[in-house]
Every structure is written in structure tokens, then in C-alpha cells.
Amino acid sequence: MDSIYFNFLGMKNLEDVIEKFHNTLVDTNRSYKFFVDWDKVKRHVDKYKIIMIPEN
């Protein structure tokens, strides 16, 4: 399996890539509310929601 991650990181297999990823994660006190504008998500969901009507 050839992957840009293997070449870029100089790794030979997927397990090494995953281990590198885990070892380089940075601890943070941020939650998903920090990274996602949930009000915007809700507006878009409401705007583009398709109402499903069950067929009987």
C-alpha cells in the first residue's frame, strides 16, 4: 500500500502512521463547541431539511 503519509512521514506501515499521529496530538481543553459553529449548522440543517412523508 503506497500512501503520501508513508512517504511524508518516512513510515513503512499503517500502524506506525497511527502511532505517530497519536504521539503528536496536543492536549487541549477545547470542546466541539469551540470548533463548530453549531448555530450555523442548525440554520443550514433547517434551511435544507427535506421532510420525509411516509407512504402507506
N, C-alpha and C. Protein backbone atom coordinates (compact mmCIF):
# COMPACT_ATOMS: atom_id res chain seq x y z
N MET A 1 0.85 -1.17 0.00
CA MET A 1 0.00 0.00 0.00
C MET A 1 0.90 1.24 0.00
N ASP A 2 0.71 2.09 -0.99
CA ASP A 2 1.51 3.30 -1.11
C ASP A 2 0.66 4.49 -0.67
N SER A 3 1.18 5.29 0.22
CA SER A 3 0.43 6.42 0.74
C SER A 3 1.34 7.63 0.89
N ILE A 4 0.78 8.79 0.67
CA ILE A 4 1.55 10.02 0.85
C ILE A 4 2.01 10.14 2.30
N TYR A 5 1.21 9.61 3.24
CA TYR A 5 1.59 9.67 4.65
C TYR A 5 2.84 8.83 4.91
N PHE A 6 2.91 7.67 4.27
CA PHE A 6 4.09 6.83 4.45
C PHE A 6 5.33 7.55 3.94
N ASN A 7 5.23 8.12 2.75
CA ASN A 7 6.37 8.82 2.16
C ASN A 7 6.74 10.07 2.96
N PHE A 8 5.75 10.87 3.30
CA PHE A 8 5.99 12.13 4.00
C PHE A 8 6.58 11.89 5.38
N LEU A 9 6.03 10.92 6.11
CA LEU A 9 6.47 10.66 7.48
C LEU A 9 7.63 9.66 7.54
N GLY A 10 7.94 9.07 6.40
CA GLY A 10 9.01 8.07 6.39
C GLY A 10 8.63 6.79 7.12
N MET A 11 7.34 6.45 7.08
CA MET A 11 6.85 5.26 7.77
C MET A 11 6.67 4.13 6.76
N LYS A 12 6.72 2.91 7.28
CA LYS A 12 6.61 1.73 6.42
C LYS A 12 5.23 1.08 6.45
N ASN A 13 4.45 1.32 7.54
CA ASN A 13 3.14 0.67 7.62
C ASN A 13 2.13 1.56 8.34
N LEU A 14 0.88 1.16 8.27
CA LEU A 14 -0.22 1.94 8.83
C LEU A 14 -0.12 2.06 10.35
N GLU A 15 0.31 1.01 11.01
CA GLU A 15 0.43 1.06 12.46
C GLU A 15 1.41 2.14 12.91
N ASP A 16 2.52 2.30 12.19
CA ASP A 16 3.49 3.34 12.52
C ASP A 16 2.91 4.73 12.30
N VAL A 17 2.13 4.90 11.24
CA VAL A 17 1.49 6.19 10.96
C VAL A 17 0.51 6.53 12.08
N ILE A 18 -0.30 5.56 12.49
CA ILE A 18 -1.27 5.79 13.56
C ILE A 18 -0.56 6.11 14.87
N GLU A 19 0.49 5.39 15.17
CA GLU A 19 1.25 5.66 16.40
C GLU A 19 1.85 7.07 16.37
N LYS A 20 2.39 7.48 15.24
CA LYS A 20 2.94 8.84 15.09
C LYS A 20 1.85 9.88 15.31
N PHE A 21 0.67 9.64 14.73
CA PHE A 21 -0.47 10.54 14.90
C PHE A 21 -0.83 10.68 16.38
N HIS A 22 -0.97 9.56 17.06
CA HIS A 22 -1.33 9.58 18.48
C HIS A 22 -0.26 10.26 19.33
N ASN A 23 0.98 10.03 19.01
CA ASN A 23 2.07 10.61 19.81
C ASN A 23 2.23 12.12 19.60
N THR A 24 1.69 12.64 18.51
CA THR A 24 1.86 14.07 18.23
C THR A 24 0.59 14.89 18.47
N LEU A 25 -0.46 14.25 19.02
CA LEU A 25 -1.66 15.01 19.37
C LEU A 25 -1.34 15.97 20.51
N VAL A 26 -1.96 17.12 20.49
CA VAL A 26 -1.74 18.12 21.52
C VAL A 26 -2.95 18.13 22.45
N ASP A 27 -2.71 18.06 23.75
CA ASP A 27 -3.80 18.15 24.71
C ASP A 27 -4.41 19.53 24.66
N THR A 28 -5.73 19.59 24.79
CA THR A 28 -6.42 20.86 24.77
C THR A 28 -7.66 20.78 25.66
N ASN A 29 -8.12 21.92 26.10
CA ASN A 29 -9.35 21.96 26.88
C ASN A 29 -10.53 22.43 26.02
N ARG A 30 -10.33 22.46 24.73
CA ARG A 30 -11.38 22.89 23.81
C ARG A 30 -12.38 21.76 23.58
N SER A 31 -13.63 22.12 23.46
CA SER A 31 -14.66 21.12 23.17
C SER A 31 -15.11 21.29 21.73
N TYR A 32 -16.03 20.45 21.30
CA TYR A 32 -16.54 20.56 19.93
C TYR A 32 -17.28 21.87 19.72
N LYS A 33 -17.80 22.46 20.79
CA LYS A 33 -18.48 23.75 20.65
C LYS A 33 -17.51 24.83 20.17
N PHE A 34 -16.24 24.71 20.53
CA PHE A 34 -15.24 25.68 20.11
C PHE A 34 -14.95 25.56 18.62
N PHE A 35 -14.90 24.36 18.10
CA PHE A 35 -14.51 24.13 16.72
C PHE A 35 -15.66 24.19 15.72
N VAL A 36 -16.89 24.08 16.19
CA VAL A 36 -18.05 24.04 15.30
C VAL A 36 -19.00 25.17 15.68
N ASP A 37 -19.43 25.91 14.67
CA ASP A 37 -20.45 26.94 14.89
C ASP A 37 -21.81 26.25 14.81
N TRP A 38 -22.28 25.74 15.96
CA TRP A 38 -23.48 24.92 15.99
C TRP A 38 -24.72 25.71 15.58
N ASP A 39 -24.76 27.01 15.83
CA ASP A 39 -25.90 27.82 15.39
C ASP A 39 -25.97 27.84 13.87
N LYS A 40 -24.83 27.97 13.23
CA LYS A 40 -24.78 27.96 11.77
C LYS A 40 -25.18 26.60 11.21
N VAL A 41 -24.72 25.55 11.86
CA VAL A 41 -25.09 24.19 11.44
C VAL A 41 -26.60 24.04 11.51
N LYS A 42 -27.20 24.45 12.62
CA LYS A 42 -28.65 24.32 12.78
C LYS A 42 -29.39 25.13 11.72
N ARG A 43 -28.93 26.34 11.44
CA ARG A 43 -29.57 27.15 10.40
C ARG A 43 -29.54 26.44 9.05
N HIS A 44 -28.39 25.86 8.71
CA HIS A 44 -28.27 25.18 7.43
C HIS A 44 -29.11 23.90 7.38
N VAL A 45 -29.15 23.19 8.48
CA VAL A 45 -29.97 21.97 8.53
C VAL A 45 -31.43 22.35 8.34
N ASP A 46 -31.88 23.37 9.05
CA ASP A 46 -33.27 23.81 8.92
C ASP A 46 -33.56 24.32 7.51
N LYS A 47 -32.61 24.98 6.91
CA LYS A 47 -32.80 25.55 5.58
C LYS A 47 -32.90 24.47 4.51
N TYR A 48 -32.09 23.43 4.62
CA TYR A 48 -32.01 22.41 3.57
C TYR A 48 -32.68 21.09 3.94
N LYS A 49 -33.40 21.08 5.05
CA LYS A 49 -34.04 19.85 5.52
C LYS A 49 -35.12 19.41 4.53
N ILE A 50 -35.16 18.12 4.28
CA ILE A 50 -36.19 17.54 3.44
C ILE A 50 -37.11 16.76 4.37
N ILE A 51 -38.38 17.08 4.31
CA ILE A 51 -39.32 16.39 5.16
C ILE A 51 -39.77 15.12 4.45
N MET A 52 -39.59 14.02 5.13
CA MET A 52 -39.94 12.73 4.57
C MET A 52 -41.37 12.39 4.98
N ILE A 53 -42.22 12.13 4.02
CA ILE A 53 -43.60 11.74 4.29
C ILE A 53 -43.72 10.25 4.02
N PRO A 54 -44.07 9.47 5.02
CA PRO A 54 -44.15 8.03 4.81
C PRO A 54 -45.28 7.67 3.85
N GLU A 55 -45.00 6.69 3.01
CA GLU A 55 -46.02 6.21 2.08
C GLU A 55 -46.73 5.04 2.73
N ASN A 56 -48.04 5.05 2.64
CA ASN A 56 -48.82 3.95 3.23
C ASN A 56 -49.45 3.11 2.16
